Protein backbone atom coordinates (compact mmCIF):
# COMPACT_ATOMS: atom_id res chain seq x y z
CA UNK A 1 -28.42 -10.03 64.27
CA UNK A 2 -26.00 -7.27 65.15
CA UNK A 3 -23.99 -5.31 62.62
CA UNK A 4 -20.30 -4.49 62.85
CA UNK A 5 -18.86 -1.48 61.05
CA UNK A 6 -15.36 -2.32 59.89
CA UNK A 7 -12.51 -0.43 58.31
CA UNK A 8 -11.58 -1.14 54.69
CA UNK A 9 -8.69 -0.19 52.44
CA UNK A 10 -8.87 1.46 49.01
CA UNK A 11 -9.76 -1.91 47.40
CA UNK A 12 -12.54 -2.75 49.87
CA UNK A 13 -10.55 -5.31 51.91
CA UNK A 14 -11.43 -5.54 55.61
CA UNK A 15 -8.72 -4.30 57.99
CA UNK A 16 -8.16 -5.46 61.58
CA UNK A 17 -7.44 -3.25 64.60
CA UNK A 18 -3.67 -3.65 64.41
CA UNK A 19 -1.55 -0.53 64.07
CA UNK A 20 -1.06 0.50 60.44
CA UNK A 21 -4.15 -1.30 59.15
CA UNK A 22 -3.36 -4.95 58.52
CA UNK A 23 -5.66 -6.89 56.21
CA UNK A 24 -7.85 -9.31 58.19
CA UNK A 25 -7.95 -12.99 57.30
CA UNK A 26 -11.17 -14.76 56.32
CA UNK A 27 -12.01 -18.20 57.70
CA UNK A 28 -14.91 -20.68 57.64
CA UNK A 29 -16.39 -21.93 60.89
CA UNK A 30 -16.74 -25.69 61.36
CA UNK A 31 -18.36 -25.54 64.76
CA UNK A 32 -21.66 -27.24 65.58
CA UNK A 33 -23.37 -23.95 66.36
CA UNK A 34 -22.20 -22.06 63.23
CA UNK A 35 -21.27 -24.62 60.56
CA UNK A 36 -19.97 -23.14 57.28
CA UNK A 37 -20.29 -19.55 58.50
CA UNK A 38 -17.62 -17.12 57.26
CA UNK A 39 -15.83 -14.81 59.69
CA UNK A 40 -12.91 -12.39 59.77
CA UNK A 41 -10.22 -12.01 62.41
CA UNK A 42 -6.66 -10.80 62.79
CA UNK A 43 -4.27 -12.60 60.45
CA UNK A 44 -1.59 -12.96 63.12
CA UNK A 45 -1.27 -16.27 64.93
CA UNK A 46 -2.75 -16.75 68.38
CA UNK A 47 0.71 -17.19 69.87
CA UNK A 48 1.74 -13.75 68.63
CA UNK A 49 1.37 -11.24 71.48
CA UNK A 50 0.77 -8.49 68.90
CA UNK A 51 -2.45 -10.13 67.69
CA UNK A 52 -5.45 -7.84 68.14
CA UNK A 53 -8.88 -8.92 69.28
CA UNK A 54 -10.59 -8.17 65.95
CA UNK A 55 -13.39 -10.60 65.08
CA UNK A 56 -16.47 -10.18 62.89
CA UNK A 57 -18.91 -12.50 61.17
CA UNK A 58 -19.01 -11.96 57.42
CA UNK A 59 -22.81 -11.64 57.32
CA UNK A 60 -22.69 -8.93 60.02
CA UNK A 61 -20.00 -6.80 58.42
CA UNK A 62 -20.97 -3.32 57.28
CA UNK A 63 -18.43 -1.74 54.93
CA UNK A 64 -18.33 2.02 54.53
CA UNK A 65 -18.94 3.29 51.01
CA UNK A 66 -15.77 4.20 49.15
CA UNK A 67 -15.61 7.70 47.63
CA UNK A 68 -15.77 7.51 43.84
CA UNK A 69 -13.41 10.46 43.42
CA UNK A 70 -11.44 12.64 45.85
CA UNK A 71 -13.29 15.79 46.87
CA UNK A 72 -12.18 18.84 45.00
CA UNK A 73 -10.65 21.68 46.89
CA UNK A 74 -12.40 25.08 46.98
CA UNK A 75 -9.64 26.53 44.83
CA UNK A 76 -10.19 23.93 42.11
CA UNK A 77 -13.95 24.34 42.35
CA UNK A 78 -13.71 28.11 41.96
CA UNK A 79 -11.33 27.69 39.04
CA UNK A 80 -13.69 25.29 37.25
CA UNK A 81 -16.65 27.61 37.85
CA UNK A 82 -14.72 30.55 36.43
CA UNK A 83 -13.76 28.53 33.36
CA UNK A 84 -17.35 27.51 32.80
CA UNK A 85 -18.47 31.12 33.10
CA UNK A 86 -15.87 32.25 30.55
CA UNK A 87 -17.51 33.07 27.20
CA UNK A 88 -14.58 31.56 25.27
CA UNK A 89 -15.30 28.07 26.68
CA UNK A 90 -18.86 27.91 25.45
CA UNK A 91 -19.23 26.23 22.13
CA UNK A 92 -20.03 28.57 19.36
CA UNK A 93 -22.60 27.48 16.82
CA UNK A 94 -20.91 26.28 13.67
CA UNK A 95 -22.00 28.22 10.65
CA UNK A 96 -21.83 26.29 7.42
CA UNK A 97 -21.33 28.33 4.35
CA UNK A 98 -23.70 27.61 1.58
CA UNK A 99 -21.97 26.07 -1.44
CA UNK A 100 -21.22 28.65 -4.01
CA UNK A 101 -20.71 27.94 -7.63
CA UNK A 102 -17.41 29.16 -9.03
CA UNK A 103 -17.52 32.51 -10.68
CA UNK A 104 -17.85 32.22 -14.42
CA UNK A 105 -16.04 34.67 -16.57
CA UNK A 106 -17.75 35.96 -19.67
CA UNK A 107 -16.97 33.74 -22.63
CA UNK A 108 -15.69 35.48 -25.73
CA UNK A 109 -14.60 34.09 -29.10
CA UNK A 110 -10.98 34.88 -28.19
CA UNK A 111 -11.13 33.00 -24.88
CA UNK A 112 -12.84 30.02 -26.54
CA UNK A 113 -10.21 29.92 -29.24
CA UNK A 114 -7.38 30.12 -26.68
CA UNK A 115 -8.89 27.28 -24.67
CA UNK A 116 -9.25 25.10 -27.78
CA UNK A 117 -5.64 25.84 -28.79
CA UNK A 118 -4.41 24.85 -25.33
CA UNK A 119 -6.34 21.58 -25.43
CA UNK A 120 -5.11 20.70 -28.92
CA UNK A 121 -1.51 21.49 -28.00
CA UNK A 122 -1.74 19.35 -24.86
CA UNK A 123 -3.22 16.44 -26.81
CA UNK A 124 -0.53 16.77 -29.45
CA UNK A 125 2.24 16.64 -26.84
CA UNK A 126 0.69 13.53 -25.25
CA UNK A 127 0.59 11.77 -28.61
CA UNK A 128 4.23 12.60 -29.33
CA UNK A 129 5.48 11.38 -25.95
CA UNK A 130 3.35 8.23 -26.05
CA UNK A 131 4.63 7.22 -29.50
CA UNK A 132 7.25 4.47 -29.46
CA UNK A 133 8.90 5.71 -32.66
CA UNK A 134 9.22 9.36 -31.72
CA UNK A 135 12.80 9.74 -32.98
CA UNK A 136 12.00 8.20 -36.39
CA UNK A 137 8.89 10.28 -36.76
CA UNK A 138 10.75 13.47 -35.83
CA UNK A 139 13.35 12.84 -38.55
CA UNK A 140 10.89 11.99 -41.36
CA UNK A 141 7.85 14.12 -40.58
CA UNK A 142 7.05 17.52 -39.13
CA UNK A 143 4.07 18.11 -36.90
CA UNK A 144 3.69 21.75 -36.00
CA UNK A 145 1.02 23.87 -34.41
CA UNK A 146 0.74 27.60 -34.47
CA UNK A 147 1.68 29.23 -31.16
CA UNK A 148 -1.04 29.77 -28.60
CA UNK A 149 -2.37 33.27 -28.35
CA UNK A 150 -0.94 35.19 -25.42
CA UNK A 151 -2.55 37.87 -23.29
CA UNK A 152 -1.36 40.72 -25.55
CA UNK A 153 -2.99 39.02 -28.55
CA UNK A 154 -6.30 38.97 -26.75
CA UNK A 155 -5.98 42.61 -25.87
CA UNK A 156 -5.06 43.56 -29.43
CA UNK A 157 -8.17 41.83 -30.70
CA UNK A 158 -6.31 39.43 -33.01
CA UNK A 159 -8.93 36.74 -32.65
CA UNK A 160 -9.57 33.91 -35.09
CA UNK A 161 -12.93 32.13 -35.25
CA UNK A 162 -12.84 28.62 -33.76
CA UNK A 163 -13.99 27.21 -37.09
CA UNK A 164 -10.54 27.89 -38.57
CA UNK A 165 -8.82 25.62 -36.05
CA UNK A 166 -8.64 22.50 -38.28
CA UNK A 167 -7.05 24.56 -41.06
CA UNK A 168 -4.16 25.61 -38.82
CA UNK A 169 -2.93 22.07 -38.37
CA UNK A 170 -0.44 21.40 -41.13
CA UNK A 171 0.04 17.68 -40.77
CA UNK A 172 -1.40 15.15 -38.41
CA UNK A 173 0.86 12.72 -36.67
CA UNK A 174 0.44 9.15 -37.90
CA UNK A 175 -1.03 6.85 -35.28
CA UNK A 176 1.60 4.96 -33.38
CA UNK A 177 1.47 1.19 -33.92
CA UNK A 178 -0.12 -0.62 -31.05
CA UNK A 179 2.25 -3.02 -29.38
CA UNK A 180 0.81 -6.06 -27.72
CA UNK A 181 2.18 -6.90 -24.33
CA UNK A 182 4.24 -10.06 -24.12
CA UNK A 183 2.90 -12.68 -21.76
CA UNK A 184 4.92 -15.51 -20.15
CA UNK A 185 3.17 -18.08 -22.33
CA UNK A 186 3.98 -16.18 -25.53
CA UNK A 187 7.62 -15.76 -24.48
CA UNK A 188 7.88 -19.47 -23.71
CA UNK A 189 6.36 -20.37 -27.08
CA UNK A 190 8.80 -18.03 -28.86
CA UNK A 191 11.80 -19.54 -27.04
CA UNK A 192 10.57 -23.05 -27.84
CA UNK A 193 10.27 -22.18 -31.53
CA UNK A 194 13.79 -20.71 -31.54
CA UNK A 195 15.21 -23.88 -29.98
CA UNK A 196 13.33 -26.02 -32.51
CA UNK A 197 14.75 -24.04 -35.43
CA UNK A 198 18.24 -24.19 -33.94
CA UNK A 199 18.00 -27.96 -33.46
CA UNK A 200 16.79 -28.37 -37.04
CA UNK A 201 19.72 -26.31 -38.36
CA UNK A 202 22.15 -28.42 -36.30
CA UNK A 203 20.65 -31.61 -37.76
CA UNK A 204 20.97 -30.19 -41.27
CA UNK A 205 24.60 -29.29 -40.65
CA UNK A 206 25.31 -32.78 -39.31
CA UNK A 207 23.62 -34.34 -42.34
CA UNK A 208 25.65 -32.14 -44.69
CA UNK A 209 28.80 -33.01 -42.79
CA UNK A 210 28.03 -36.74 -42.98
CA UNK A 211 27.29 -36.47 -46.68
CA UNK A 212 30.53 -34.54 -47.26
CA UNK A 213 32.53 -37.15 -45.35
CA UNK A 214 30.90 -39.94 -47.34
CA UNK A 215 31.68 -38.13 -50.59
CA UNK A 216 35.29 -37.61 -49.53
CA UNK A 217 35.67 -41.29 -48.64
CA UNK A 218 34.14 -42.33 -51.94
CA UNK A 219 36.47 -40.04 -53.89
CA UNK A 220 39.50 -41.40 -52.02
CA UNK A 221 38.40 -44.94 -52.73
CA UNK A 222 37.94 -44.25 -56.43
CA UNK A 223 41.32 -42.56 -56.68
CA UNK A 224 42.98 -45.51 -54.97
CA UNK A 225 41.35 -47.94 -57.40
CA UNK A 226 42.36 -45.81 -60.36
CA UNK A 227 45.97 -45.75 -59.26
CA UNK A 228 45.91 -49.49 -58.79
CA UNK A 229 44.56 -50.19 -62.27
CA UNK A 230 46.76 -47.55 -63.91
CA UNK A 231 49.97 -49.12 -62.54
CA UNK A 232 51.88 -51.09 -65.38
CA UNK A 233 51.66 -54.92 -65.14
CA UNK A 234 55.14 -56.66 -65.17
CA UNK A 235 54.02 -59.59 -67.36
CA UNK A 236 52.63 -57.37 -70.08
CA UNK A 237 55.76 -55.23 -70.25
CA UNK A 238 58.02 -58.23 -70.81
């Protein structure tokens, strides 16, 4: 079996010998000698004078290997080599710093006291802002804290032992009443109760109105009867 080296395009399709590289057509032979055998020939019709004489059996075709990537020019190759040789391109080993614990300043009674004062003041402000009755509490009670020691106080040595901290608080703020959150079911029950009370009051008013009307009718009836009986009889007068 002979082999035929053919020309192919960028997608591997077989090209015929026509000018410009025309894609060859593939057919199946139905002859007695080669039944079912695939072959390639020029796609132009036999009546076309421009048809070339290209013909090749599919099992004899040898396709050239397609280049995976275009060859690089010497200039590009030299440039890539110079970049690889550059010391800045090479990866530098990453140096991980060992975790260091934060520096701790020496603790003194003054610094401890200042820290406690700051915490107490912050907690006191949170309680005041979280209270629902802040305005009422501000008008009826006073909750004061001594000012926090500043830097000059620390330098002057005006330090107070931490044990005296509770004594500096004049009055403690009363705990704010806890308010339960209203749920849809509780709101519906409250509205239903309000409607029930309103309906009951309306019924009471209607009953009172009916009783008042009945009393008025009875009084009118009695007055009419009294006037009738109090009228002088003509036979008795004569």
